[in-house]
């Protein structure tokens, strides 16, 4: 996930990796409703998310398409996972949980470099976010700066060929059936190789994951 520029310690929105206008409009209504139900000001939400108040105001009014990193910051500040944040109404958690997403189903969100199909988004308060990602960028120049964000992630190549670029390792070239697991705080980018858009099964954790390796 790409780090946005900051102003006085607050994240300022970068449109290069943002949601489509229709998705951002629905998100704005959702964020405003949740914030008001919790009796928070935009300033309080800004402190919890690290976002500028002006950015929150524009998101709530559908004037700004948030990046995926901003979605993660909003979700973490609201103690929700990203699918819950994108849903109009979060379902109450059950004592035990099961969710099935049928082939071809799942809510789709379009971004400049990825198309995301959210899987099992009816479950609230998940520890990880599963999705299908279509990689639309075909060069590092087209993708732009590497992303980074808290947590860990794993992906499996379902279709096509992929270049995995990371901050601390050499480029990995991957094909169908290949899998990668890495620390999300390290800058990273997945890029399609050739004319075909690659498709990945992708799982990421929402919050920072701390593991005691003994």
Protein backbone atom coordinates (compact mmCIF):
# COMPACT_ATOMS: atom_id res chain seq x y z
CA UNK A 1 0.00 0.00 0.00
CA UNK A 2 1.42 3.40 -0.90
CA UNK A 3 2.23 5.93 1.82
CA UNK A 4 0.40 9.19 1.12
CA UNK A 5 2.03 12.56 1.65
CA UNK A 6 1.52 14.07 5.11
CA UNK A 7 0.79 17.56 6.38
CA UNK A 8 1.31 18.35 10.06
CA UNK A 9 1.36 14.63 10.81
CA UNK A 10 -2.00 13.96 9.10
CA UNK A 11 -2.47 11.87 5.99
CA UNK A 12 -3.42 13.87 2.90
CA UNK A 13 -5.29 12.03 0.16
CA UNK A 14 -3.52 10.88 -3.02
CA UNK A 15 -5.91 10.18 -5.90
CA UNK A 16 -3.53 7.83 -7.73
CA UNK A 17 -4.84 4.72 -5.96
CA UNK A 18 -8.40 5.68 -5.09
CA UNK A 19 -11.84 4.08 -5.23
CA UNK A 20 -14.28 4.74 -8.06
CA UNK A 21 -16.67 7.74 -7.57
CA UNK A 22 -19.73 5.53 -6.92
CA UNK A 23 -17.91 3.50 -4.28
CA UNK A 24 -16.50 6.62 -2.59
CA UNK A 25 -19.96 8.23 -2.41
CA UNK A 26 -21.41 5.21 -0.60
CA UNK A 27 -18.39 5.10 1.69
CA UNK A 28 -18.82 8.75 2.63
CA UNK A 29 -22.38 8.17 3.78
CA UNK A 30 -21.28 5.11 5.74
CA UNK A 31 -18.40 6.92 7.50
CA UNK A 32 -20.59 9.89 8.43
CA UNK A 33 -23.36 7.64 9.80
CA UNK A 34 -20.95 5.61 11.93
CA UNK A 35 -19.18 8.73 13.23
CA UNK A 36 -22.46 10.42 14.21
CA UNK A 37 -23.81 7.28 15.91
CA UNK A 38 -20.68 7.26 18.04
CA UNK A 39 -21.08 11.01 18.71
CA UNK A 40 -17.60 11.77 17.37
CA UNK A 41 -16.57 15.00 15.70
CA UNK A 42 -14.57 14.93 12.51
CA UNK A 43 -11.63 16.05 14.62
CA UNK A 44 -11.97 13.04 16.91
CA UNK A 45 -12.11 10.70 13.92
CA UNK A 46 -9.06 12.47 12.52
CA UNK A 47 -7.08 11.76 15.70
CA UNK A 48 -8.06 8.08 15.60
CA UNK A 49 -7.15 7.65 11.93
CA UNK A 50 -4.31 10.11 11.38
CA UNK A 51 -6.29 11.76 8.58
CA UNK A 52 -6.67 15.51 8.14
CA UNK A 53 -10.12 16.88 9.08
CA UNK A 54 -10.42 18.38 5.60
CA UNK A 55 -9.83 14.91 4.11
CA UNK A 56 -12.53 13.34 6.33
CA UNK A 57 -14.98 16.11 5.39
CA UNK A 58 -14.38 15.56 1.67
CA UNK A 59 -14.75 11.77 2.04
CA UNK A 60 -18.03 12.13 3.94
CA UNK A 61 -19.41 14.48 1.30
CA UNK A 62 -18.35 12.26 -1.60
CA UNK A 63 -15.88 14.85 -2.86
CA UNK A 64 -12.81 12.65 -2.53
CA UNK A 65 -12.05 9.07 -3.56
CA UNK A 66 -9.99 7.51 -0.73
CA UNK A 67 -6.95 5.37 -1.42
CA UNK A 68 -6.73 1.83 -0.11
CA UNK A 69 -4.35 2.94 2.66
CA UNK A 70 -6.89 5.57 3.71
CA UNK A 71 -9.58 2.87 3.78
CA UNK A 72 -7.36 0.87 6.12
CA UNK A 73 -6.82 3.88 8.38
CA UNK A 74 -10.57 4.61 8.49
CA UNK A 75 -11.36 0.97 9.23
CA UNK A 76 -8.78 0.76 12.00
CA UNK A 77 -9.89 4.06 13.53
CA UNK A 78 -13.51 2.87 13.51
CA UNK A 79 -12.54 -0.63 14.77
CA UNK A 80 -14.00 -2.26 11.65
CA UNK A 81 -12.50 -4.31 8.87
CA UNK A 82 -12.58 -2.97 5.33
CA UNK A 83 -15.54 -5.07 4.06
CA UNK A 84 -17.60 -3.91 7.09
CA UNK A 85 -16.67 -0.31 6.33
CA UNK A 86 -17.74 -0.68 2.70
CA UNK A 87 -21.03 -2.37 3.61
CA UNK A 88 -24.02 -0.09 4.15
CA UNK A 89 -24.99 -1.91 7.34
CA UNK A 90 -22.70 -4.15 9.37
CA UNK A 91 -24.29 -7.41 10.46
CA UNK A 92 -24.15 -8.27 14.19
CA UNK A 93 -21.42 -10.78 15.07
CA UNK A 94 -22.49 -14.38 15.71
CA UNK A 95 -21.15 -16.79 18.32
CA UNK A 96 -19.81 -19.00 15.55
CA UNK A 97 -19.23 -17.88 12.01
CA UNK A 98 -19.38 -19.24 8.50
CA UNK A 99 -19.46 -17.41 5.21
CA UNK A 100 -19.48 -18.69 1.64
CA UNK A 101 -18.91 -16.56 -1.45
CA UNK A 102 -19.93 -18.31 -4.67
CA UNK A 103 -17.86 -18.11 -7.83
CA UNK A 104 -18.34 -14.81 -9.60
CA UNK A 105 -20.00 -13.20 -6.57
CA UNK A 106 -18.58 -10.72 -4.08
CA UNK A 107 -18.65 -6.92 -3.99
CA UNK A 108 -16.32 -5.37 -6.61
CA UNK A 109 -14.34 -2.17 -6.06
CA UNK A 110 -12.33 -0.66 -8.91
CA UNK A 111 -9.04 1.17 -8.36
CA UNK A 112 -6.53 2.40 -10.94
CA UNK A 113 -4.09 -0.49 -10.53
CA UNK A 114 -6.34 -3.21 -9.03
CA UNK A 115 -9.89 -4.47 -9.26
CA UNK A 116 -10.86 -5.99 -5.90
CA UNK A 117 -13.63 -8.55 -5.42
CA UNK A 118 -14.29 -8.80 -1.67
CA UNK A 119 -14.91 -12.32 -0.36
CA UNK A 120 -17.01 -13.28 2.69
CA UNK A 121 -17.71 -9.60 3.34
CA UNK A 122 -20.84 -10.41 5.38
CA UNK A 123 -18.68 -11.37 8.38
CA UNK A 124 -17.94 -8.59 10.87
CA UNK A 125 -14.68 -8.06 12.78
CA UNK A 126 -12.56 -10.47 10.75
CA UNK A 127 -8.86 -10.82 11.49
CA UNK A 128 -8.01 -10.92 7.79
CA UNK A 129 -9.42 -9.67 4.50
CA UNK A 130 -9.75 -12.23 1.67
CA UNK A 131 -10.28 -10.99 -1.87
CA UNK A 132 -9.69 -11.66 -5.55
CA UNK A 133 -7.47 -9.03 -7.19
CA UNK A 134 -7.05 -8.31 -10.89
CA UNK A 135 -3.72 -6.56 -11.56
CA UNK A 136 -4.17 -3.79 -14.13
CA UNK A 137 -0.65 -2.28 -13.95
CA UNK A 138 1.86 -3.84 -16.38
CA UNK A 139 5.03 -1.94 -15.46
CA UNK A 140 6.65 -0.51 -12.36
CA UNK A 141 6.48 2.96 -13.91
CA UNK A 142 2.74 2.56 -14.48
CA UNK A 143 2.24 1.35 -10.89
CA UNK A 144 4.24 4.16 -9.28
CA UNK A 145 5.78 4.15 -5.76
CA UNK A 146 5.57 0.98 -3.67
CA UNK A 147 2.76 0.53 -1.14
CA UNK A 148 3.30 -0.16 2.57
CA UNK A 149 0.89 -0.57 5.49
CA UNK A 150 0.60 -2.41 8.82
CA UNK A 151 0.10 -6.18 8.88
CA UNK A 152 0.99 -9.18 6.75
CA UNK A 153 -0.36 -10.59 3.51
CA UNK A 154 -0.36 -13.62 1.28
CA UNK A 155 -1.33 -14.11 -2.33
CA UNK A 156 -1.66 -17.06 -4.72
CA UNK A 157 -1.46 -16.52 -8.48
CA UNK A 158 -4.64 -17.87 -10.07
CA UNK A 159 -4.10 -16.62 -13.61
CA UNK A 160 -1.30 -15.04 -15.60
CA UNK A 161 2.23 -14.03 -14.60
CA UNK A 162 3.28 -11.59 -11.88
CA UNK A 163 6.28 -9.51 -10.88
CA UNK A 164 6.50 -9.01 -7.11
CA UNK A 165 8.55 -5.91 -6.27
CA UNK A 166 9.55 -5.35 -2.65
CA UNK A 167 11.60 -2.81 -0.76
CA UNK A 168 14.25 -5.20 0.60
CA UNK A 169 14.36 -8.12 -1.88
CA UNK A 170 15.06 -8.66 -5.54
CA UNK A 171 12.12 -8.93 -7.93
CA UNK A 172 10.32 -12.28 -7.84
CA UNK A 173 8.75 -13.59 -11.06
CA UNK A 174 5.73 -15.77 -10.33
CA UNK A 175 3.31 -17.89 -12.36
CA UNK A 176 0.04 -19.73 -11.84
CA UNK A 177 0.09 -21.72 -8.58
CA UNK A 178 2.96 -19.72 -7.07
CA UNK A 179 2.43 -18.16 -3.64
CA UNK A 180 4.08 -15.36 -1.63
CA UNK A 181 3.81 -14.32 2.02
CA UNK A 182 5.38 -11.07 3.23
CA UNK A 183 5.42 -8.29 5.79
CA UNK A 184 3.13 -5.51 4.56
CA UNK A 185 5.19 -2.78 6.28
CA UNK A 186 7.79 -3.40 3.57
CA UNK A 187 7.10 -1.45 0.39
CA UNK A 188 5.59 -3.76 -2.24
CA UNK A 189 3.85 -3.88 -5.61
CA UNK A 190 2.36 -6.66 -7.75
CA UNK A 191 2.46 -6.12 -11.51
CA UNK A 192 1.10 -8.18 -14.39
CA UNK A 193 3.65 -9.53 -16.89
CA UNK A 194 2.66 -9.61 -20.55
CA UNK A 195 -0.59 -8.43 -22.11
CA UNK A 196 -2.90 -10.44 -19.84
CA UNK A 197 -4.07 -9.02 -16.49
CA UNK A 198 -2.99 -11.42 -13.75
CA UNK A 199 -5.53 -12.56 -11.13
CA UNK A 200 -4.63 -13.29 -7.51
CA UNK A 201 -6.30 -14.76 -4.46
CA UNK A 202 -5.14 -12.30 -1.81
CA UNK A 203 -5.41 -12.24 1.98
CA UNK A 204 -4.21 -9.39 4.19
CA UNK A 205 -4.48 -8.61 7.88
CA UNK A 206 -6.14 -5.33 8.79
CA UNK A 207 -4.04 -4.40 11.80
CA UNK A 208 -0.39 -4.74 12.71
CA UNK A 209 0.40 -8.39 13.45
CA UNK A 210 3.00 -9.07 16.10
CA UNK A 211 4.33 -12.60 16.27
CA UNK A 212 6.57 -14.01 19.02
CA UNK A 213 8.88 -16.39 17.22
CA UNK A 214 10.38 -17.61 20.55
